[in-house]
Amino acid sequence: MDVKVSGLDQVVKNLEATSEQIIQALARALYEDGNALLNEAKTLVPVDLGTLASSGYVTLPEITGDTIEVTVGFGGAAKAYALYVHEGTGPAVGHASYFPPKEALEDWANRHGIPVGAVQLAIYRRGTKPTKYLEEPFNARAKGFDQRIGRAVADILK
């Protein structure tokens, strides 16, 4: 059996001609996937006033050389506590006990009618459980990521 491949030069030229389109398609797909991840994460964020949930963000794609970067995260007004809510604290996660500052808990304790000292003591004794509001949906979305991104490239190559 003989197989003859012809037109390979044209295929290479076509790929080179569409390379910028492919990069832009990949960037769009990463951004869309980041937004889907953020939306899933927001459903897992504990809500009191909504500050943490509303601090979620997705950056626009940054293309540098052969790298496309999109960042999904939480911060802003919730920057001081977002990581603690995600990762948990103290004995609840196997770390040493700590006594959180009164200022960090005062508003919450007052809104819930609980003496701030009681909240501090409970956190000192038990810690806080992790919520993994970003990690869990990220890990779940990892399955199928290559297919979702691959579809963006396939659409350009059609």
N, C-alpha and C. Protein backbone atom coordinates (compact mmCIF):
# COMPACT_ATOMS: atom_id res chain seq x y z
N MET A 1 0.85 -1.17 0.00
CA MET A 1 0.00 0.00 0.00
C MET A 1 0.89 1.23 0.00
N ASP A 2 0.61 2.14 -0.89
CA ASP A 2 1.34 3.40 -0.97
C ASP A 2 0.39 4.52 -0.55
N VAL A 3 0.93 5.43 0.21
CA VAL A 3 0.17 6.62 0.60
C VAL A 3 0.96 7.82 0.16
N LYS A 4 0.29 8.69 -0.56
CA LYS A 4 0.95 9.90 -1.01
C LYS A 4 0.24 11.09 -0.39
N VAL A 5 1.00 11.93 0.28
CA VAL A 5 0.47 13.13 0.91
C VAL A 5 0.90 14.31 0.07
N SER A 6 -0.06 15.07 -0.36
CA SER A 6 0.28 16.27 -1.12
C SER A 6 -0.43 17.46 -0.50
N GLY A 7 0.13 18.62 -0.73
CA GLY A 7 -0.49 19.83 -0.19
C GLY A 7 -0.07 20.17 1.22
N LEU A 8 0.94 19.46 1.73
CA LEU A 8 1.39 19.71 3.10
C LEU A 8 1.92 21.14 3.25
N ASP A 9 2.57 21.64 2.21
CA ASP A 9 3.07 23.02 2.26
C ASP A 9 1.91 23.99 2.46
N GLN A 10 0.79 23.73 1.79
CA GLN A 10 -0.38 24.60 1.91
C GLN A 10 -0.98 24.51 3.32
N VAL A 11 -0.97 23.34 3.89
CA VAL A 11 -1.49 23.16 5.26
C VAL A 11 -0.66 23.99 6.23
N VAL A 12 0.66 23.92 6.10
CA VAL A 12 1.55 24.70 6.97
C VAL A 12 1.29 26.19 6.78
N LYS A 13 1.15 26.65 5.53
CA LYS A 13 0.87 28.06 5.26
C LYS A 13 -0.46 28.48 5.88
N ASN A 14 -1.46 27.63 5.78
CA ASN A 14 -2.77 27.93 6.36
C ASN A 14 -2.70 28.04 7.88
N LEU A 15 -1.94 27.13 8.49
CA LEU A 15 -1.78 27.20 9.95
C LEU A 15 -1.06 28.47 10.36
N GLU A 16 -0.02 28.82 9.62
CA GLU A 16 0.71 30.06 9.93
C GLU A 16 -0.20 31.28 9.76
N ALA A 17 -1.04 31.26 8.73
CA ALA A 17 -1.93 32.38 8.48
C ALA A 17 -3.00 32.51 9.56
N THR A 18 -3.37 31.40 10.17
CA THR A 18 -4.42 31.44 11.19
C THR A 18 -3.87 31.44 12.61
N SER A 19 -2.54 31.49 12.77
CA SER A 19 -1.96 31.38 14.11
C SER A 19 -2.46 32.48 15.04
N GLU A 20 -2.55 33.71 14.56
CA GLU A 20 -3.06 34.80 15.42
C GLU A 20 -4.52 34.56 15.77
N GLN A 21 -5.30 34.07 14.83
CA GLN A 21 -6.70 33.75 15.12
C GLN A 21 -6.80 32.64 16.16
N ILE A 22 -5.91 31.68 16.05
CA ILE A 22 -5.91 30.57 17.01
C ILE A 22 -5.56 31.09 18.40
N ILE A 23 -4.56 31.94 18.49
CA ILE A 23 -4.16 32.52 19.78
C ILE A 23 -5.31 33.30 20.38
N GLN A 24 -5.98 34.11 19.56
CA GLN A 24 -7.12 34.90 20.07
C GLN A 24 -8.28 33.99 20.49
N ALA A 25 -8.49 32.92 19.74
CA ALA A 25 -9.56 31.98 20.10
C ALA A 25 -9.24 31.29 21.43
N LEU A 26 -7.98 30.92 21.60
CA LEU A 26 -7.56 30.31 22.87
C LEU A 26 -7.74 31.31 24.02
N ALA A 27 -7.36 32.55 23.80
CA ALA A 27 -7.49 33.56 24.85
C ALA A 27 -8.97 33.75 25.23
N ARG A 28 -9.84 33.82 24.22
CA ARG A 28 -11.28 33.96 24.50
C ARG A 28 -11.81 32.75 25.26
N ALA A 29 -11.38 31.57 24.84
CA ALA A 29 -11.85 30.35 25.49
C ALA A 29 -11.39 30.29 26.95
N LEU A 30 -10.15 30.69 27.20
CA LEU A 30 -9.65 30.72 28.58
C LEU A 30 -10.43 31.72 29.43
N TYR A 31 -10.71 32.87 28.86
CA TYR A 31 -11.48 33.90 29.57
C TYR A 31 -12.90 33.40 29.88
N GLU A 32 -13.53 32.78 28.90
CA GLU A 32 -14.88 32.24 29.12
C GLU A 32 -14.86 31.13 30.18
N ASP A 33 -13.85 30.28 30.13
CA ASP A 33 -13.74 29.22 31.12
C ASP A 33 -13.49 29.81 32.50
N GLY A 34 -12.69 30.87 32.57
CA GLY A 34 -12.46 31.55 33.84
C GLY A 34 -13.74 32.12 34.42
N ASN A 35 -14.57 32.70 33.57
CA ASN A 35 -15.85 33.25 34.04
C ASN A 35 -16.79 32.15 34.53
N ALA A 36 -16.79 31.02 33.84
CA ALA A 36 -17.61 29.89 34.27
C ALA A 36 -17.12 29.39 35.63
N LEU A 37 -15.81 29.31 35.80
CA LEU A 37 -15.22 28.90 37.08
C LEU A 37 -15.63 29.86 38.18
N LEU A 38 -15.53 31.16 37.92
CA LEU A 38 -15.90 32.15 38.92
C LEU A 38 -17.37 32.02 39.31
N ASN A 39 -18.23 31.83 38.34
CA ASN A 39 -19.66 31.69 38.64
C ASN A 39 -19.93 30.47 39.53
N GLU A 40 -19.23 29.38 39.26
CA GLU A 40 -19.38 28.19 40.11
C GLU A 40 -18.84 28.46 41.51
N ALA A 41 -17.69 29.13 41.59
CA ALA A 41 -17.08 29.43 42.89
C ALA A 41 -18.00 30.31 43.74
N LYS A 42 -18.65 31.26 43.11
CA LYS A 42 -19.54 32.18 43.85
C LYS A 42 -20.71 31.45 44.50
N THR A 43 -21.08 30.29 43.97
CA THR A 43 -22.17 29.54 44.59
C THR A 43 -21.71 28.84 45.87
N LEU A 44 -20.39 28.72 46.06
CA LEU A 44 -19.85 28.04 47.24
C LEU A 44 -19.34 29.00 48.31
N VAL A 45 -19.23 30.28 47.97
CA VAL A 45 -18.71 31.27 48.91
C VAL A 45 -19.74 31.50 50.02
N PRO A 46 -19.29 31.42 51.29
CA PRO A 46 -20.22 31.75 52.37
C PRO A 46 -20.64 33.22 52.27
N VAL A 47 -21.91 33.48 52.51
CA VAL A 47 -22.42 34.84 52.32
C VAL A 47 -22.98 35.39 53.62
N ASP A 48 -22.43 36.52 54.04
CA ASP A 48 -22.99 37.29 55.14
C ASP A 48 -23.52 38.58 54.52
N LEU A 49 -22.62 39.44 54.10
CA LEU A 49 -23.00 40.67 53.41
C LEU A 49 -22.77 40.58 51.90
N GLY A 50 -22.11 39.52 51.47
CA GLY A 50 -21.82 39.35 50.05
C GLY A 50 -20.52 39.98 49.60
N THR A 51 -19.74 40.48 50.55
CA THR A 51 -18.48 41.14 50.19
C THR A 51 -17.52 40.19 49.50
N LEU A 52 -17.39 38.99 50.03
CA LEU A 52 -16.46 38.02 49.43
C LEU A 52 -16.94 37.62 48.03
N ALA A 53 -18.20 37.29 47.90
CA ALA A 53 -18.72 36.88 46.59
C ALA A 53 -18.57 37.99 45.56
N SER A 54 -18.81 39.21 45.97
CA SER A 54 -18.73 40.32 45.01
C SER A 54 -17.29 40.72 44.71
N SER A 55 -16.33 40.17 45.44
CA SER A 55 -14.93 40.50 45.19
C SER A 55 -14.30 39.60 44.14
N GLY A 56 -15.06 38.62 43.62
CA GLY A 56 -14.52 37.71 42.62
C GLY A 56 -14.20 38.45 41.32
N TYR A 57 -13.17 37.99 40.64
CA TYR A 57 -12.77 38.65 39.39
C TYR A 57 -12.12 37.65 38.44
N VAL A 58 -12.14 38.02 37.17
CA VAL A 58 -11.43 37.29 36.11
C VAL A 58 -10.69 38.35 35.31
N THR A 59 -9.39 38.20 35.16
CA THR A 59 -8.63 39.18 34.39
C THR A 59 -8.79 38.90 32.89
N LEU A 60 -8.64 39.93 32.11
CA LEU A 60 -8.61 39.76 30.66
C LEU A 60 -7.35 38.97 30.31
N PRO A 61 -7.39 38.22 29.24
CA PRO A 61 -6.21 37.42 28.87
C PRO A 61 -4.99 38.31 28.59
N GLU A 62 -3.85 37.86 29.10
CA GLU A 62 -2.57 38.51 28.80
C GLU A 62 -1.76 37.53 27.97
N ILE A 63 -1.38 37.97 26.78
CA ILE A 63 -0.63 37.11 25.87
C ILE A 63 0.81 37.60 25.85
N THR A 64 1.72 36.74 26.29
CA THR A 64 3.14 37.08 26.33
C THR A 64 3.92 35.91 25.74
N GLY A 65 4.50 36.12 24.57
CA GLY A 65 5.24 35.05 23.92
C GLY A 65 4.33 33.87 23.65
N ASP A 66 4.66 32.72 24.21
CA ASP A 66 3.85 31.52 23.98
C ASP A 66 2.95 31.22 25.19
N THR A 67 2.67 32.24 26.00
CA THR A 67 1.85 32.07 27.20
C THR A 67 0.61 32.94 27.13
N ILE A 68 -0.52 32.35 27.48
CA ILE A 68 -1.77 33.09 27.62
C ILE A 68 -2.18 32.93 29.08
N GLU A 69 -2.36 34.05 29.77
CA GLU A 69 -2.66 33.98 31.20
C GLU A 69 -3.99 34.67 31.50
N VAL A 70 -4.83 33.96 32.24
CA VAL A 70 -6.09 34.49 32.76
C VAL A 70 -6.10 34.14 34.25
N THR A 71 -6.38 35.12 35.09
CA THR A 71 -6.39 34.89 36.54
C THR A 71 -7.81 34.98 37.06
N VAL A 72 -8.19 34.01 37.88
CA VAL A 72 -9.48 34.00 38.55
C VAL A 72 -9.20 34.06 40.04
N GLY A 73 -9.86 34.95 40.73
CA GLY A 73 -9.59 35.05 42.16
C GLY A 73 -10.64 35.86 42.91
N PHE A 74 -10.37 36.03 44.18
CA PHE A 74 -11.20 36.83 45.07
C PHE A 74 -10.26 37.75 45.84
N GLY A 75 -10.73 38.90 46.22
CA GLY A 75 -9.88 39.83 46.96
C GLY A 75 -10.59 41.13 47.19
N GLY A 76 -10.02 42.21 46.68
CA GLY A 76 -10.64 43.53 46.86
C GLY A 76 -10.96 43.79 48.32
N ALA A 77 -12.22 44.13 48.59
CA ALA A 77 -12.64 44.44 49.96
C ALA A 77 -12.55 43.22 50.87
N ALA A 78 -12.47 42.03 50.31
CA ALA A 78 -12.40 40.80 51.09
C ALA A 78 -10.98 40.25 51.18
N LYS A 79 -10.03 41.00 50.68
CA LYS A 79 -8.65 40.51 50.60
C LYS A 79 -8.12 40.04 51.96
N ALA A 80 -8.47 40.74 53.03
CA ALA A 80 -7.94 40.42 54.35
C ALA A 80 -8.38 39.05 54.86
N TYR A 81 -9.51 38.53 54.35
CA TYR A 81 -10.00 37.26 54.90
C TYR A 81 -10.33 36.20 53.87
N ALA A 82 -10.26 36.50 52.60
CA ALA A 82 -10.62 35.53 51.56
C ALA A 82 -9.84 34.23 51.69
N LEU A 83 -8.55 34.32 51.90
CA LEU A 83 -7.71 33.12 52.01
C LEU A 83 -8.08 32.31 53.26
N TYR A 84 -8.38 32.99 54.37
CA TYR A 84 -8.73 32.28 55.61
C TYR A 84 -10.05 31.53 55.45
N VAL A 85 -10.99 32.13 54.73
CA VAL A 85 -12.27 31.46 54.50
C VAL A 85 -12.04 30.24 53.60
N HIS A 86 -11.20 30.39 52.60
CA HIS A 86 -10.93 29.30 51.67
C HIS A 86 -10.18 28.15 52.35
N GLU A 87 -9.13 28.47 53.06
CA GLU A 87 -8.23 27.45 53.61
C GLU A 87 -8.59 26.98 55.02
N GLY A 88 -9.43 27.74 55.74
CA GLY A 88 -9.73 27.41 57.13
C GLY A 88 -8.61 27.88 58.04
N THR A 89 -8.82 27.76 59.34
CA THR A 89 -7.83 28.25 60.29
C THR A 89 -7.71 27.32 61.49
N GLY A 90 -6.59 27.45 62.20
CA GLY A 90 -6.39 26.83 63.50
C GLY A 90 -6.61 25.33 63.55
N PRO A 91 -7.11 24.87 64.71
CA PRO A 91 -7.27 23.43 64.93
C PRO A 91 -8.17 22.75 63.90
N ALA A 92 -9.10 23.45 63.30
CA ALA A 92 -9.99 22.84 62.31
C ALA A 92 -9.22 22.29 61.11
N VAL A 93 -8.04 22.83 60.87
CA VAL A 93 -7.24 22.36 59.74
C VAL A 93 -5.84 21.90 60.17
N GLY A 94 -5.72 21.58 61.47
CA GLY A 94 -4.46 21.05 61.96
C GLY A 94 -3.39 22.09 62.23
N HIS A 95 -3.75 23.35 62.36
CA HIS A 95 -2.78 24.40 62.66
C HIS A 95 -2.89 24.80 64.12
N ALA A 96 -1.94 25.57 64.58
CA ALA A 96 -1.97 26.07 65.95
C ALA A 96 -3.15 27.02 66.14
N SER A 97 -3.65 27.07 67.35
CA SER A 97 -4.73 28.00 67.69
C SER A 97 -4.21 29.43 67.59
N TYR A 98 -5.10 30.33 67.26
CA TYR A 98 -4.75 31.74 67.30
C TYR A 98 -5.99 32.52 67.71
N PHE A 99 -5.76 33.66 68.27
CA PHE A 99 -6.84 34.52 68.76
C PHE A 99 -7.00 35.65 67.75
N PRO A 100 -8.05 35.62 66.92
CA PRO A 100 -8.19 36.64 65.89
C PRO A 100 -8.43 38.03 66.50
N PRO A 101 -8.01 39.07 65.80
CA PRO A 101 -8.20 40.42 66.34
C PRO A 101 -9.68 40.80 66.42
N LYS A 102 -10.02 41.50 67.47
CA LYS A 102 -11.39 41.93 67.73
C LYS A 102 -11.97 42.71 66.53
N GLU A 103 -11.16 43.58 65.96
CA GLU A 103 -11.61 44.44 64.85
C GLU A 103 -12.07 43.62 63.64
N ALA A 104 -11.46 42.46 63.44
CA ALA A 104 -11.81 41.63 62.29
C ALA A 104 -13.18 40.98 62.44
N LEU A 105 -13.68 40.88 63.66
CA LEU A 105 -14.92 40.14 63.91
C LEU A 105 -16.06 41.01 64.44
N GLU A 106 -15.76 42.22 64.84
CA GLU A 106 -16.73 43.08 65.52
C GLU A 106 -18.02 43.28 64.74
N ASP A 107 -17.92 43.68 63.51
CA ASP A 107 -19.13 43.94 62.70
C ASP A 107 -19.99 42.68 62.58
N TRP A 108 -19.35 41.58 62.26
CA TRP A 108 -20.08 40.32 62.10
C TRP A 108 -20.77 39.93 63.41
N ALA A 109 -20.02 39.96 64.50
CA ALA A 109 -20.57 39.57 65.80
C ALA A 109 -21.75 40.47 66.18
N ASN A 110 -21.61 41.76 65.97
CA ASN A 110 -22.70 42.70 66.30
C ASN A 110 -23.94 42.43 65.47
N ARG A 111 -23.77 42.16 64.18
CA ARG A 111 -24.92 41.89 63.30
C ARG A 111 -25.65 40.62 63.73
N HIS A 112 -24.92 39.68 64.30
CA HIS A 112 -25.51 38.41 64.69
C HIS A 112 -25.85 38.33 66.17
N GLY A 113 -25.62 39.43 66.89
CA GLY A 113 -25.97 39.48 68.31
C GLY A 113 -25.15 38.56 69.19
N ILE A 114 -23.91 38.36 68.82
CA ILE A 114 -23.02 37.48 69.58
C ILE A 114 -21.88 38.34 70.13
N PRO A 115 -21.56 38.19 71.39
CA PRO A 115 -20.42 38.95 71.92
C PRO A 115 -19.14 38.62 71.15
N VAL A 116 -18.41 39.64 70.75
CA VAL A 116 -17.21 39.43 69.93
C VAL A 116 -16.21 38.54 70.65
N GLY A 117 -16.10 38.63 71.95
CA GLY A 117 -15.18 37.79 72.70
C GLY A 117 -15.53 36.32 72.58
N ALA A 118 -16.81 36.00 72.52
CA ALA A 118 -17.24 34.61 72.36
C ALA A 118 -16.85 34.07 71.00
N VAL A 119 -16.93 34.91 69.98
CA VAL A 119 -16.54 34.50 68.62
C VAL A 119 -15.03 34.27 68.58
N GLN A 120 -14.29 35.20 69.18
CA GLN A 120 -12.84 35.05 69.22
C GLN A 120 -12.44 33.74 69.91
N LEU A 121 -13.07 33.47 71.04
CA LEU A 121 -12.75 32.27 71.80
C LEU A 121 -13.10 30.99 71.03
N ALA A 122 -14.24 31.00 70.34
CA ALA A 122 -14.64 29.83 69.55
C ALA A 122 -13.64 29.58 68.42
N ILE A 123 -13.20 30.63 67.77
CA ILE A 123 -12.21 30.48 66.70
C ILE A 123 -10.89 30.00 67.28
N TYR A 124 -10.53 30.54 68.44
CA TYR A 124 -9.28 30.11 69.09
C TYR A 124 -9.32 28.62 69.40
N ARG A 125 -10.43 28.17 69.94
CA ARG A 125 -10.55 26.77 70.36
C ARG A 125 -10.71 25.80 69.19
N ARG A 126 -11.58 26.15 68.24
CA ARG A 126 -11.94 25.21 67.18
C ARG A 126 -11.32 25.54 65.82
N GLY A 127 -11.02 26.80 65.60
CA GLY A 127 -10.59 27.23 64.26
C GLY A 127 -11.81 27.36 63.36
N THR A 128 -11.58 27.49 62.09
CA THR A 128 -12.67 27.57 61.12
C THR A 128 -12.43 26.55 60.03
N LYS A 129 -13.50 25.92 59.58
CA LYS A 129 -13.38 24.90 58.53
C LYS A 129 -13.12 25.56 57.18
N PRO A 130 -12.36 24.90 56.33
CA PRO A 130 -12.12 25.44 54.98
C PRO A 130 -13.36 25.28 54.11
N THR A 131 -13.54 26.21 53.19
CA THR A 131 -14.67 26.10 52.25
C THR A 131 -14.22 25.66 50.87
N LYS A 132 -12.97 25.92 50.52
CA LYS A 132 -12.40 25.52 49.22
C LYS A 132 -13.30 25.97 48.06
N TYR A 133 -13.87 27.17 48.21
CA TYR A 133 -14.83 27.67 47.23
C TYR A 133 -14.24 27.89 45.84
N LEU A 134 -12.94 28.02 45.73
CA LEU A 134 -12.31 28.18 44.41
C LEU A 134 -11.63 26.89 43.96
N GLU A 135 -11.00 26.21 44.88
CA GLU A 135 -10.26 24.99 44.54
C GLU A 135 -11.17 23.87 44.04
N GLU A 136 -12.29 23.65 44.70
CA GLU A 136 -13.18 22.55 44.31
C GLU A 136 -13.74 22.72 42.90
N PRO A 137 -14.30 23.90 42.55
CA PRO A 137 -14.77 24.02 41.16
C PRO A 137 -13.63 24.00 40.14
N PHE A 138 -12.45 24.50 40.52
CA PHE A 138 -11.30 24.44 39.62
C PHE A 138 -10.97 22.99 39.31
N ASN A 139 -10.86 22.16 40.34
CA ASN A 139 -10.54 20.75 40.14
C ASN A 139 -11.62 20.04 39.32
N ALA A 140 -12.88 20.38 39.56
CA ALA A 140 -13.97 19.76 38.81
C ALA A 140 -13.91 20.17 37.34
N ARG A 141 -13.58 21.44 37.07
CA ARG A 141 -13.52 21.95 35.70
C ARG A 141 -12.29 21.44 34.95
N ALA A 142 -11.28 20.98 35.68
CA ALA A 142 -10.07 20.48 35.02
C ALA A 142 -10.42 19.30 34.11
N LYS A 143 -11.41 18.53 34.54
CA LYS A 143 -11.87 17.42 33.70
C LYS A 143 -12.65 18.05 32.54
N GLY A 144 -12.22 17.81 31.35
CA GLY A 144 -12.89 18.36 30.18
C GLY A 144 -12.33 19.69 29.71
N PHE A 145 -11.32 20.21 30.42
CA PHE A 145 -10.73 21.50 30.03
C PHE A 145 -10.14 21.43 28.63
N ASP A 146 -9.38 20.38 28.36
CA ASP A 146 -8.74 20.29 27.05
C ASP A 146 -9.76 20.20 25.92
N GLN A 147 -10.90 19.52 26.18
CA GLN A 147 -11.94 19.45 25.14
C GLN A 147 -12.58 20.83 24.91
N ARG A 148 -12.84 21.55 26.00
CA ARG A 148 -13.46 22.88 25.86
C ARG A 148 -12.54 23.83 25.10
N ILE A 149 -11.26 23.83 25.45
CA ILE A 149 -10.32 24.71 24.78
C ILE A 149 -10.07 24.23 23.34
N GLY A 150 -10.01 22.93 23.16
CA GLY A 150 -9.79 22.36 21.82
C GLY A 150 -10.90 22.73 20.85
N ARG A 151 -12.12 22.82 21.35
CA ARG A 151 -13.23 23.22 20.47
C ARG A 151 -13.02 24.62 19.90
N ALA A 152 -12.43 25.50 20.70
CA ALA A 152 -12.18 26.87 20.22
C ALA A 152 -11.20 26.86 19.05
N VAL A 153 -10.18 26.03 19.13
CA VAL A 153 -9.21 25.92 18.05
C VAL A 153 -9.82 25.22 16.85
N ALA A 154 -10.57 24.18 17.10
CA ALA A 154 -11.22 23.43 16.00
C ALA A 154 -12.12 24.34 15.18
N ASP A 155 -12.82 25.25 15.85
CA ASP A 155 -13.71 26.16 15.14
C ASP A 155 -12.94 27.05 14.17
N ILE A 156 -11.73 27.45 14.56
CA ILE A 156 -10.90 28.29 13.69
C ILE A 156 -10.37 27.49 12.51
N LEU A 157 -10.02 26.25 12.75
CA LEU A 157 -9.41 25.43 11.71
C LEU A 157 -10.43 24.90 10.69
N LYS A 158 -11.69 25.00 10.98
CA LYS A 158 -12.70 24.49 10.03
C LYS A 158 -12.71 25.28 8.74
